[in-house]
Every structure is written in C-alpha cells, then in structure tokens.
Amino acid sequence: MSPKAHKIYIGTFVVIVVAVTAALTIEGYSYYATPIVDRFHHPDYNLLKPSGILGHGYGIVGTLLIITGIATYMMRKRMRMFSRWGRLKHWLEFHIFLCTLGAILILFHTSFKFGGIVSASFWSMVAVVISGVIGRYIYIQIPHTIEGREMNLHEVHSLQEGIGQKLRTDYGVEEQVFASLKENRRAAIRLLKKESRKKGMRGKEIRKAIRLLKTEDKLTGRIKRLEKMQNLFRYWHIAHQPFALIMLIIMVIHVTVTILFGYRWIF
C-alpha cells in the first residue's frame, strides 16, 4: 500500500467514526439530554432505551464489531496461515477502527447510564480503547519489515548501513555530509545539493539522494528510540490485555443474562 493509499485508508476510518458518532448524537440528542428519571415519558424511549429496538441494536452491532476486530487481528498475528494476508500494521489499524466504532455504539446502547457490572465492563472498554490508541502510536515507532514484522536492532543497523553505502557508491556522497547530518539535517541537505551540482548530477538524481539521506537520518533517530519503544510495547501489553479480558468476560455475562431475561431484539 502506497503512502497516499494508506492516508486514504486511515482517513476513511476516521470519517466513518466521526460520521457515525455525529449521526447518533444528532438522532438521539433530545433523549440523551433528558434526565434519566424523566426518560420514560420521552417519545423516543421505546426506541433508544438499552432494550429498545435501536438501543438494543447498537449494543449488538457494537459487540459484534469489537469481537470481529479482536478475532481478525489475533488470527492475523498468531496464525501462520494468515501471515501473508496484508501487513500487520494495517490489520492493527483495522482492529483499532472496529473496536473504536464498536465502543461508540455500545456507549449509545447504554444511553449514557452506567451502573453495576455493566459499569465495570464499560470503563474497561474505555481503558482498552485508549490504551489501544497509545499502543498503535508505540507500535509505529518501531521499524518493521515490509511484511509487518518488528525489526531488531541489528536489522535496523544493517538497513541503515545499506542506505549509507548506496549514497556513497551510487551518488558519491562524501563523509562530510554524513557528519553534517548528525548536527543538522537541513544543513546536510544543503551541502548534499551543493556537492551534487558540482559533480553534474541531475535534479532527479539529487532528489533521490535527498530522500535516501532523509531515510538514513530517520533510521538514526529510530535506532535511538527502538529499545525504549520495544520495552514500552511489552509493558503496554501488560496493561492492555487484562482490560480487554475483563471487558470480554463481563460482556459475555451481560449478553447471557440479557438472553435469559428474554431480550431477543428483533429475532
């Protein structure tokens, strides 16, 4: 997936989440803004209450989205047969999208009324969503292979050395440019342009050299952050997974009790 296509991919998710949130808010604002003790008399009570046609539907769809988001990401991550089905990074983003959208629907399913065991599930869900967004930020700071596998420090060093060697052999970049890069990237780019023009390089070749130099500089920064981010990612799992497990257990209990009490929605 190209950078442009990836931006469209992420942008589409954001637009969907914002649009759904806005639509549900506008549709039910009058009801949700009504004090809980007075909602029984609201004309939309039978539609938007947690056991209502729409309110119950929000809960069902939201639950299915979260379960789908968790299941698909875990299968792609854990099962070898799915290892070639796209980059893990994109599956992580899809996982976050489904779970975020599901959490929003469940929020409207509760009609902003929390209590008892449902409250524990809801706040666990909030913790999962927030930690998931933080985890995604940490994850993208770790260099990955084209298949989405995390790279170790040796691999990142090798990649950086390969880029440095290509700049030296293919574009004749001198050591003073690399020395300048450690101090100031803009100064290094200016020096690279100046030296390249002296050697008669064309604009297209200069731009390619500049892109490689920027990549080399980014890798230097990522090497510095790599070990720290990998440790943070491991600690993040310790926080994220228990909340997800609590949320799922209480969700299963809630759904089971709901069915036992005869709330079958439209079925």
C-alpha atoms as a PDB file:
ATOM      1  CA  MET A   1       0.000   0.000   0.000  1.00  0.00           C
ATOM      2  CA  SER A   2       1.445   3.346  -1.058  1.00  0.00           C
ATOM      3  CA  PRO A   3       1.679   6.248   1.452  1.00  0.00           C
ATOM      4  CA  LYS A   4      -1.149   8.021  -0.385  1.00  0.00           C
ATOM      5  CA  ALA A   5      -3.367   4.925  -0.305  1.00  0.00           C
ATOM      6  CA  HIS A   6      -2.554   4.443   3.385  1.00  0.00           C
ATOM      7  CA  LYS A   7      -3.648   8.004   4.165  1.00  0.00           C
ATOM      8  CA  ILE A   8      -6.934   7.348   2.353  1.00  0.00           C
ATOM      9  CA  TYR A   9      -7.266   4.062   4.303  1.00  0.00           C
ATOM     10  CA  ILE A  10      -6.830   5.837   7.662  1.00  0.00           C
ATOM     11  CA  GLY A  11      -8.864   8.864   6.579  1.00  0.00           C
ATOM     12  CA  THR A  12     -11.813   6.645   5.642  1.00  0.00           C
ATOM     13  CA  PHE A  13     -11.800   5.065   9.108  1.00  0.00           C
ATOM     14  CA  VAL A  14     -11.717   8.470  10.799  1.00  0.00           C
ATOM     15  CA  VAL A  15     -14.547   9.820   8.637  1.00  0.00           C
ATOM     16  CA  ILE A  16     -16.722   6.767   9.369  1.00  0.00           C
ATOM     17  CA  VAL A  17     -16.165   7.004  13.136  1.00  0.00           C
ATOM     18  CA  VAL A  18     -16.850  10.762  13.200  1.00  0.00           C
ATOM     19  CA  ALA A  19     -19.896  10.460  10.908  1.00  0.00           C
ATOM     20  CA  VAL A  20     -21.454   7.623  12.941  1.00  0.00           C
ATOM     21  CA  THR A  21     -20.844   9.473  16.222  1.00  0.00           C
ATOM     22  CA  ALA A  22     -22.343  12.684  14.828  1.00  0.00           C
ATOM     23  CA  ALA A  23     -25.371  10.871  13.360  1.00  0.00           C
ATOM     24  CA  LEU A  24     -26.163   9.011  16.585  1.00  0.00           C
ATOM     25  CA  THR A  25     -25.710  12.182  18.642  1.00  0.00           C
ATOM     26  CA  ILE A  26     -27.996  14.252  16.417  1.00  0.00           C
ATOM     27  CA  GLU A  27     -30.597  11.474  16.194  1.00  0.00           C
ATOM     28  CA  GLY A  28     -30.863  10.911  19.934  1.00  0.00           C
ATOM     29  CA  TYR A  29     -29.697  14.186  21.475  1.00  0.00           C
ATOM     30  CA  SER A  30     -33.133  15.111  22.833  1.00  0.00           C
ATOM     31  CA  TYR A  31     -33.475  11.734  24.551  1.00  0.00           C
ATOM     32  CA  TYR A  32     -29.913  11.535  25.923  1.00  0.00           C
ATOM     33  CA  ALA A  33     -30.136  15.119  27.222  1.00  0.00           C
ATOM     34  CA  THR A  34     -33.289  14.279  29.177  1.00  0.00           C
ATOM     35  CA  PRO A  35     -32.702  13.432  32.873  1.00  0.00           C
ATOM     36  CA  ILE A  36     -32.797   9.662  33.452  1.00  0.00           C
ATOM     37  CA  VAL A  37     -35.847   9.862  35.742  1.00  0.00           C
ATOM     38  CA  ASP A  38     -37.858  11.631  33.003  1.00  0.00           C
ATOM     39  CA  ARG A  39     -36.846   9.491  30.019  1.00  0.00           C
ATOM     40  CA  PHE A  40     -39.772   7.096  30.438  1.00  0.00           C
ATOM     41  CA  HIS A  41     -42.060   9.868  29.175  1.00  0.00           C
ATOM     42  CA  HIS A  42     -39.860  10.780  26.186  1.00  0.00           C
ATOM     43  CA  PRO A  43     -41.353   9.845  22.766  1.00  0.00           C
ATOM     44  CA  ASP A  44     -38.118   8.031  21.785  1.00  0.00           C
ATOM     45  CA  TYR A  45     -37.926   5.991  24.985  1.00  0.00           C
ATOM     46  CA  ASN A  46     -39.006   2.704  23.392  1.00  0.00           C
ATOM     47  CA  LEU A  47     -36.517   3.174  20.555  1.00  0.00           C
ATOM     48  CA  LEU A  48     -33.394   4.365  22.356  1.00  0.00           C
ATOM     49  CA  LYS A  49     -33.522   2.709  25.772  1.00  0.00           C
ATOM     50  CA  PRO A  50     -30.911  -0.108  26.148  1.00  0.00           C
ATOM     51  CA  SER A  51     -33.585  -2.734  25.453  1.00  0.00           C
ATOM     52  CA  GLY A  52     -35.267  -0.672  22.706  1.00  0.00           C
ATOM     53  CA  ILE A  53     -35.125  -1.527  19.024  1.00  0.00           C
ATOM     54  CA  LEU A  54     -32.373   0.970  18.220  1.00  0.00           C
ATOM     55  CA  GLY A  55     -30.667   0.960  21.616  1.00  0.00           C
ATOM     56  CA  HIS A  56     -30.504  -2.828  21.720  1.00  0.00           C
ATOM     57  CA  GLY A  57     -29.326  -2.877  18.108  1.00  0.00           C
ATOM     58  CA  TYR A  58     -26.466  -0.501  18.930  1.00  0.00           C
ATOM     59  CA  GLY A  59     -25.302  -2.921  21.614  1.00  0.00           C
ATOM     60  CA  ILE A  60     -25.489  -5.970  19.338  1.00  0.00           C
ATOM     61  CA  VAL A  61     -23.699  -4.337  16.410  1.00  0.00           C
ATOM     62  CA  GLY A  62     -21.095  -2.757  18.705  1.00  0.00           C
ATOM     63  CA  THR A  63     -20.384  -6.098  20.376  1.00  0.00           C
ATOM     64  CA  LEU A  64     -20.016  -7.851  17.012  1.00  0.00           C
ATOM     65  CA  LEU A  65     -17.641  -5.147  15.769  1.00  0.00           C
ATOM     66  CA  ILE A  66     -15.411  -5.485  18.844  1.00  0.00           C
ATOM     67  CA  ILE A  67     -15.363  -9.286  18.678  1.00  0.00           C
ATOM     68  CA  THR A  68     -14.600  -9.151  14.930  1.00  0.00           C
ATOM     69  CA  GLY A  69     -11.837  -6.602  15.485  1.00  0.00           C
ATOM     70  CA  ILE A  70     -10.187  -8.710  18.183  1.00  0.00           C
ATOM     71  CA  ALA A  71     -10.618 -12.045  16.382  1.00  0.00           C
ATOM     72  CA  THR A  72      -9.317 -10.925  12.976  1.00  0.00           C
ATOM     73  CA  TYR A  73      -6.264  -9.191  14.427  1.00  0.00           C
ATOM     74  CA  MET A  74      -5.388 -12.140  16.671  1.00  0.00           C
ATOM     75  CA  MET A  75      -5.737 -14.602  13.766  1.00  0.00           C
ATOM     76  CA  ARG A  76      -3.532 -12.463  11.530  1.00  0.00           C
ATOM     77  CA  LYS A  77      -0.965 -12.075  14.307  1.00  0.00           C
ATOM     78  CA  ARG A  78      -0.929 -15.617  15.732  1.00  0.00           C
ATOM     79  CA  MET A  79      -1.834 -17.968  12.887  1.00  0.00           C
ATOM     80  CA  ARG A  80       0.839 -18.682  10.292  1.00  0.00           C
ATOM     81  CA  MET A  81      -1.708 -19.413   7.546  1.00  0.00           C
ATOM     82  CA  PHE A  82      -2.765 -15.735   7.625  1.00  0.00           C
ATOM     83  CA  SER A  83       0.768 -14.286   7.793  1.00  0.00           C
ATOM     84  CA  ARG A  84       0.707 -13.190   4.139  1.00  0.00           C
ATOM     85  CA  TRP A  85      -2.679 -11.505   4.331  1.00  0.00           C
ATOM     86  CA  GLY A  86      -1.526  -7.893   4.275  1.00  0.00           C
ATOM     87  CA  ARG A  87       0.776  -6.012   6.608  1.00  0.00           C
ATOM     88  CA  LEU A  88       0.268  -6.462  10.340  1.00  0.00           C
ATOM     89  CA  LYS A  89       0.330  -2.681  10.764  1.00  0.00           C
ATOM     90  CA  HIS A  90      -2.784  -2.337   8.582  1.00  0.00           C
ATOM     91  CA  TRP A  91      -4.558  -5.119  10.473  1.00  0.00           C
ATOM     92  CA  LEU A  92      -3.748  -3.327  13.735  1.00  0.00           C
ATOM     93  CA  GLU A  93      -5.291  -0.141  12.368  1.00  0.00           C
ATOM     94  CA  PHE A  94      -8.376  -2.066  11.202  1.00  0.00           C
ATOM     95  CA  HIS A  95      -8.575  -3.656  14.657  1.00  0.00           C
ATOM     96  CA  ILE A  96      -8.471  -0.218  16.311  1.00  0.00           C
ATOM     97  CA  PHE A  97     -11.115   1.095  13.882  1.00  0.00           C
ATOM     98  CA  LEU A  98     -13.588  -1.734  14.532  1.00  0.00           C
ATOM     99  CA  CYS A  99     -13.079  -1.652  18.301  1.00  0.00           C
ATOM    100  CA  THR A 100     -13.403   2.144  18.452  1.00  0.00           C
ATOM    101  CA  LEU A 101     -16.577   2.134  16.358  1.00  0.00           C
ATOM    102  CA  GLY A 102     -17.928  -0.756  18.432  1.00  0.00           C
ATOM    103  CA  ALA A 103     -17.172   1.098  21.663  1.00  0.00           C
ATOM    104  CA  ILE A 104     -19.063   4.171  20.414  1.00  0.00           C
ATOM    105  CA  LEU A 105     -22.117   2.076  19.531  1.00  0.00           C
ATOM    106  CA  ILE A 106     -22.037   0.403  22.952  1.00  0.00           C
ATOM    107  CA  LEU A 107     -21.803   3.839  24.577  1.00  0.00           C
ATOM    108  CA  PHE A 108     -25.057   4.822  22.860  1.00  0.00           C
ATOM    109  CA  HIS A 109     -26.516   1.410  23.736  1.00  0.00           C
ATOM    110  CA  THR A 110     -26.087   2.256  27.428  1.00  0.00           C
ATOM    111  CA  SER A 111     -27.823   5.600  26.728  1.00  0.00           C
ATOM    112  CA  PHE A 112     -25.105   7.092  28.950  1.00  0.00           C
ATOM    113  CA  LYS A 113     -26.435   5.272  32.001  1.00  0.00           C
ATOM    114  CA  PHE A 114     -23.818   3.259  33.886  1.00  0.00           C
ATOM    115  CA  GLY A 115     -24.195   1.069  36.918  1.00  0.00           C
ATOM    116  CA  GLY A 116     -23.312  -2.295  38.443  1.00  0.00           C
ATOM    117  CA  ILE A 117     -21.339  -4.862  36.485  1.00  0.00           C
ATOM    118  CA  VAL A 118     -22.061  -3.053  33.200  1.00  0.00           C
ATOM    119  CA  SER A 119     -20.158  -0.058  34.550  1.00  0.00           C
ATOM    120  CA  ALA A 120     -17.048  -2.207  35.097  1.00  0.00           C
ATOM    121  CA  SER A 121     -17.315  -3.530  31.529  1.00  0.00           C
ATOM    122  CA  PHE A 122     -17.802  -0.043  30.107  1.00  0.00           C
ATOM    123  CA  TRP A 123     -14.833   1.524  31.857  1.00  0.00           C
ATOM    124  CA  SER A 124     -12.697  -1.496  30.948  1.00  0.00           C
ATOM    125  CA  MET A 125     -13.742  -0.901  27.349  1.00  0.00           C
ATOM    126  CA  VAL A 126     -12.754   2.773  27.615  1.00  0.00           C
ATOM    127  CA  ALA A 127      -9.360   1.745  29.026  1.00  0.00           C
ATOM    128  CA  VAL A 128      -8.932  -0.758  26.163  1.00  0.00           C
ATOM    129  CA  VAL A 129      -9.721   1.855  23.502  1.00  0.00           C
ATOM    130  CA  ILE A 130      -7.426   4.499  24.997  1.00  0.00           C
ATOM    131  CA  SER A 131      -4.577   2.047  25.556  1.00  0.00           C
ATOM    132  CA  GLY A 132      -5.135   0.708  22.034  1.00  0.00           C
ATOM    133  CA  VAL A 133      -4.592   4.154  20.514  1.00  0.00           C
ATOM    134  CA  ILE A 134      -1.461   4.602  22.662  1.00  0.00           C
ATOM    135  CA  GLY A 135      -0.270   1.130  21.640  1.00  0.00           C
ATOM    136  CA  ARG A 136      -0.706   1.961  17.982  1.00  0.00           C
ATOM    137  CA  TYR A 137       1.490   5.063  18.420  1.00  0.00           C
ATOM    138  CA  ILE A 138       4.181   2.996  20.159  1.00  0.00           C
ATOM    139  CA  TYR A 139       3.929   0.271  17.509  1.00  0.00           C
ATOM    140  CA  ILE A 140       4.509   2.585  14.542  1.00  0.00           C
ATOM    141  CA  GLN A 141       7.648   3.966  16.213  1.00  0.00           C
ATOM    142  CA  ILE A 142       9.231   0.504  15.940  1.00  0.00           C
ATOM    143  CA  PRO A 143      10.762  -0.126  12.477  1.00  0.00           C
ATOM    144  CA  HIS A 144       9.086  -3.003  10.641  1.00  0.00           C
ATOM    145  CA  THR A 145       9.817  -5.144   7.623  1.00  0.00           C
ATOM    146  CA  ILE A 146       7.608  -4.892   4.534  1.00  0.00           C
ATOM    147  CA  GLU A 147       5.640  -7.885   5.893  1.00  0.00           C
ATOM    148  CA  GLY A 148       4.957  -6.009   9.110  1.00  0.00           C
ATOM    149  CA  ARG A 149       7.359  -7.937  11.359  1.00  0.00           C
ATOM    150  CA  GLU A 150       9.155  -5.936  14.033  1.00  0.00           C
ATOM    151  CA  MET A 151      12.820  -5.373  13.202  1.00  0.00           C
ATOM    152  CA  ASN A 152      15.537  -5.922  15.787  1.00  0.00           C
ATOM    153  CA  LEU A 153      18.414  -3.525  16.413  1.00  0.00           C
ATOM    154  CA  HIS A 154      20.837  -5.482  14.201  1.00  0.00           C
ATOM    155  CA  GLU A 155      18.416  -5.398  11.256  1.00  0.00           C
ATOM    156  CA  VAL A 156      17.877  -1.643  11.585  1.00  0.00           C
ATOM    157  CA  HIS A 157      21.651  -1.078  11.714  1.00  0.00           C
ATOM    158  CA  SER A 158      22.080  -3.241   8.603  1.00  0.00           C
ATOM    159  CA  LEU A 159      19.357  -1.291   6.789  1.00  0.00           C
ATOM    160  CA  GLN A 160      20.995   1.994   7.729  1.00  0.00           C
ATOM    161  CA  GLU A 161      24.416   0.794   6.616  1.00  0.00           C
ATOM    162  CA  GLY A 162      22.955  -0.339   3.291  1.00  0.00           C
ATOM    163  CA  ILE A 163      21.456   3.085   2.654  1.00  0.00           C
ATOM    164  CA  GLY A 164      24.706   4.784   3.655  1.00  0.00           C
ATOM    165  CA  GLN A 165      26.680   2.549   1.300  1.00  0.00           C
ATOM    166  CA  LYS A 166      24.287   3.269  -1.570  1.00  0.00           C
ATOM    167  CA  LEU A 167      24.649   7.018  -1.004  1.00  0.00           C
ATOM    168  CA  ARG A 168      28.430   6.690  -1.078  1.00  0.00           C
ATOM    169  CA  THR A 169      28.742   4.405  -4.114  1.00  0.00           C
ATOM    170  CA  ASP A 170      25.791   5.421  -6.320  1.00  0.00           C
ATOM    171  CA  TYR A 171      25.634   9.123  -5.544  1.00  0.00           C
ATOM    172  CA  GLY A 172      29.170   9.884  -4.398  1.00  0.00           C
ATOM    173  CA  VAL A 173      28.067  11.393  -1.097  1.00  0.00           C
ATOM    174  CA  GLU A 174      31.100  12.335   0.968  1.00  0.00           C
ATOM    175  CA  GLU A 175      31.683  11.792   4.683  1.00  0.00           C
ATOM    176  CA  GLN A 176      31.299  15.479   5.495  1.00  0.00           C
ATOM    177  CA  VAL A 177      27.632  15.235   4.506  1.00  0.00           C
ATOM    178  CA  PHE A 178      27.084  12.381   6.976  1.00  0.00           C
ATOM    179  CA  ALA A 179      28.992  14.318   9.642  1.00  0.00           C
ATOM    180  CA  SER A 180      26.795  17.353   8.996  1.00  0.00           C
ATOM    181  CA  LEU A 181      23.683  15.143   9.177  1.00  0.00           C
ATOM    182  CA  LYS A 182      24.451  14.320  12.818  1.00  0.00           C
ATOM    183  CA  GLU A 183      24.282  18.013  13.656  1.00  0.00           C
ATOM    184  CA  ASN A 184      21.586  19.440  11.365  1.00  0.00           C
ATOM    185  CA  ARG A 185      19.572  17.700   8.663  1.00  0.00           C
ATOM    186  CA  ARG A 186      18.780  20.874   6.721  1.00  0.00           C
ATOM    187  CA  ALA A 187      22.442  21.823   6.615  1.00  0.00           C
ATOM    188  CA  ALA A 188      23.324  18.316   5.416  1.00  0.00           C
ATOM    189  CA  ILE A 189      20.733  18.519   2.620  1.00  0.00           C
ATOM    190  CA  ARG A 190      22.052  21.909   1.515  1.00  0.00           C
ATOM    191  CA  LEU A 191      25.579  20.522   1.473  1.00  0.00           C
ATOM    192  CA  LEU A 192      24.425  17.456  -0.472  1.00  0.00           C
ATOM    193  CA  LYS A 193      22.751  19.646  -3.099  1.00  0.00           C
ATOM    194  CA  LYS A 194      25.855  21.804  -3.411  1.00  0.00           C
ATOM    195  CA  GLU A 195      28.226  18.843  -3.788  1.00  0.00           C
ATOM    196  CA  SER A 196      25.870  17.034  -6.195  1.00  0.00           C
ATOM    197  CA  ARG A 197      25.608  20.037  -8.525  1.00  0.00           C
ATOM    198  CA  LYS A 198      29.391  20.311  -8.596  1.00  0.00           C
ATOM    199  CA  LYS A 199      29.519  16.700  -9.796  1.00  0.00           C
ATOM    200  CA  GLY A 200      26.976  17.428 -12.543  1.00  0.00           C
ATOM    201  CA  MET A 201      24.147  15.359 -11.106  1.00  0.00           C
ATOM    202  CA  ARG A 202      20.656  15.938 -12.475  1.00  0.00           C
ATOM    203  CA  GLY A 203      17.717  17.149 -10.444  1.00  0.00           C
ATOM    204  CA  LYS A 204      16.020  13.736 -10.388  1.00  0.00           C
ATOM    205  CA  GLU A 205      19.169  12.046  -9.068  1.00  0.00           C
ATOM    206  CA  ILE A 206      19.630  14.766  -6.442  1.00  0.00           C
ATOM    207  CA  ARG A 207      16.058  14.303  -5.216  1.00  0.00           C
ATOM    208  CA  LYS A 208      16.593  10.527  -4.916  1.00  0.00           C
ATOM    209  CA  ALA A 209      19.793  11.126  -2.945  1.00  0.00           C
ATOM    210  CA  ILE A 210      17.985  13.564  -0.645  1.00  0.00           C
ATOM    211  CA  ARG A 211      15.207  11.007   0.004  1.00  0.00           C
ATOM    212  CA  LEU A 212      17.798   8.378   0.890  1.00  0.00           C
ATOM    213  CA  LEU A 213      19.613  10.822   3.150  1.00  0.00           C
ATOM    214  CA  LYS A 214      16.361  11.650   4.961  1.00  0.00           C
ATOM    215  CA  THR A 215      15.658   7.937   5.368  1.00  0.00           C
ATOM    216  CA  GLU A 216      19.142   7.402   6.775  1.00  0.00           C
ATOM    217  CA  ASP A 217      18.546  10.232   9.243  1.00  0.00           C
ATOM    218  CA  LYS A 218      15.146   8.822  10.275  1.00  0.00           C
ATOM    219  CA  LEU A 219      16.716   5.435  10.923  1.00  0.00           C
ATOM    220  CA  THR A 220      19.316   7.052  13.160  1.00  0.00           C
ATOM    221  CA  GLY A 221      16.512   8.537  15.236  1.00  0.00           C
ATOM    222  CA  ARG A 222      14.598   5.272  15.285  1.00  0.00           C
ATOM    223  CA  ILE A 223      17.643   3.319  16.419  1.00  0.00           C
ATOM    224  CA  LYS A 224      17.850   5.635  19.423  1.00  0.00           C
ATOM    225  CA  ARG A 225      14.181   5.028  20.226  1.00  0.00           C
ATOM    226  CA  LEU A 226      13.997   1.350  19.264  1.00  0.00           C
ATOM    227  CA  GLU A 227      14.948  -0.297  22.535  1.00  0.00           C
ATOM    228  CA  LYS A 228      12.868   2.124  24.564  1.00  0.00           C
ATOM    229  CA  MET A 229       9.797   1.641  22.377  1.00  0.00           C
ATOM    230  CA  GLN A 230      10.097  -2.151  22.343  1.00  0.00           C
ATOM    231  CA  ASN A 231      10.194  -2.144  26.144  1.00  0.00           C
ATOM    232  CA  LEU A 232       7.215   0.213  26.273  1.00  0.00           C
ATOM    233  CA  PHE A 233       5.318  -2.058  23.873  1.00  0.00           C
ATOM    234  CA  ARG A 234       5.910  -5.031  26.158  1.00  0.00           C
ATOM    235  CA  TYR A 235       4.689  -3.029  29.180  1.00  0.00           C
ATOM    236  CA  TRP A 236       1.712  -1.823  27.148  1.00  0.00           C
ATOM    237  CA  HIS A 237       0.579  -5.435  26.613  1.00  0.00           C
ATOM    238  CA  ILE A 238       0.580  -5.906  30.393  1.00  0.00           C
ATOM    239  CA  ALA A 239      -1.938  -3.043  30.711  1.00  0.00           C
ATOM    240  CA  HIS A 240      -3.984  -3.585  27.538  1.00  0.00           C
ATOM    241  CA  GLN A 241      -4.694  -7.315  27.651  1.00  0.00           C
ATOM    242  CA  PRO A 242      -6.148  -7.571  31.196  1.00  0.00           C
ATOM    243  CA  PHE A 243      -8.598  -4.741  30.486  1.00  0.00           C
ATOM    244  CA  ALA A 244      -9.601  -6.452  27.234  1.00  0.00           C
ATOM    245  CA  LEU A 245     -10.115  -9.763  29.064  1.00  0.00           C
ATOM    246  CA  ILE A 246     -12.233  -8.140  31.806  1.00  0.00           C
ATOM    247  CA  MET A 247     -14.306  -6.365  29.163  1.00  0.00           C
ATOM    248  CA  LEU A 248     -14.933  -9.586  27.200  1.00  0.00           C
ATOM    249  CA  ILE A 249     -15.821 -11.662  30.297  1.00  0.00           C
ATOM    250  CA  ILE A 250     -18.322  -9.095  31.568  1.00  0.00           C
ATOM    251  CA  MET A 251     -19.661  -8.631  28.038  1.00  0.00           C
ATOM    252  CA  VAL A 252     -20.344 -12.374  27.773  1.00  0.00           C
ATOM    253  CA  ILE A 253     -22.061 -12.352  31.209  1.00  0.00           C
ATOM    254  CA  HIS A 254     -24.152  -9.327  30.210  1.00  0.00           C
ATOM    255  CA  VAL A 255     -25.245 -10.872  26.896  1.00  0.00           C
ATOM    256  CA  THR A 256     -26.048 -14.208  28.579  1.00  0.00           C
ATOM    257  CA  VAL A 257     -28.165 -12.561  31.278  1.00  0.00           C
ATOM    258  CA  THR A 258     -29.919 -10.429  28.661  1.00  0.00           C
ATOM    259  CA  ILE A 259     -30.871 -13.510  26.629  1.00  0.00           C
ATOM    260  CA  LEU A 260     -32.013 -15.387  29.742  1.00  0.00           C
ATOM    261  CA  PHE A 261     -34.322 -12.480  30.608  1.00  0.00           C
ATOM    262  CA  GLY A 262     -35.875 -12.707  27.151  1.00  0.00           C
ATOM    263  CA  TYR A 263     -34.452  -9.631  25.443  1.00  0.00           C
ATOM    264  CA  ARG A 264     -34.209 -11.059  21.904  1.00  0.00           C
ATOM    265  CA  TRP A 265     -34.210  -7.784  19.946  1.00  0.00           C
ATOM    266  CA  ILE A 266     -35.943  -8.322  16.555  1.00  0.00           C
ATOM    267  CA  PHE A 267     -35.435 -12.101  16.395  1.00  0.00           C
END
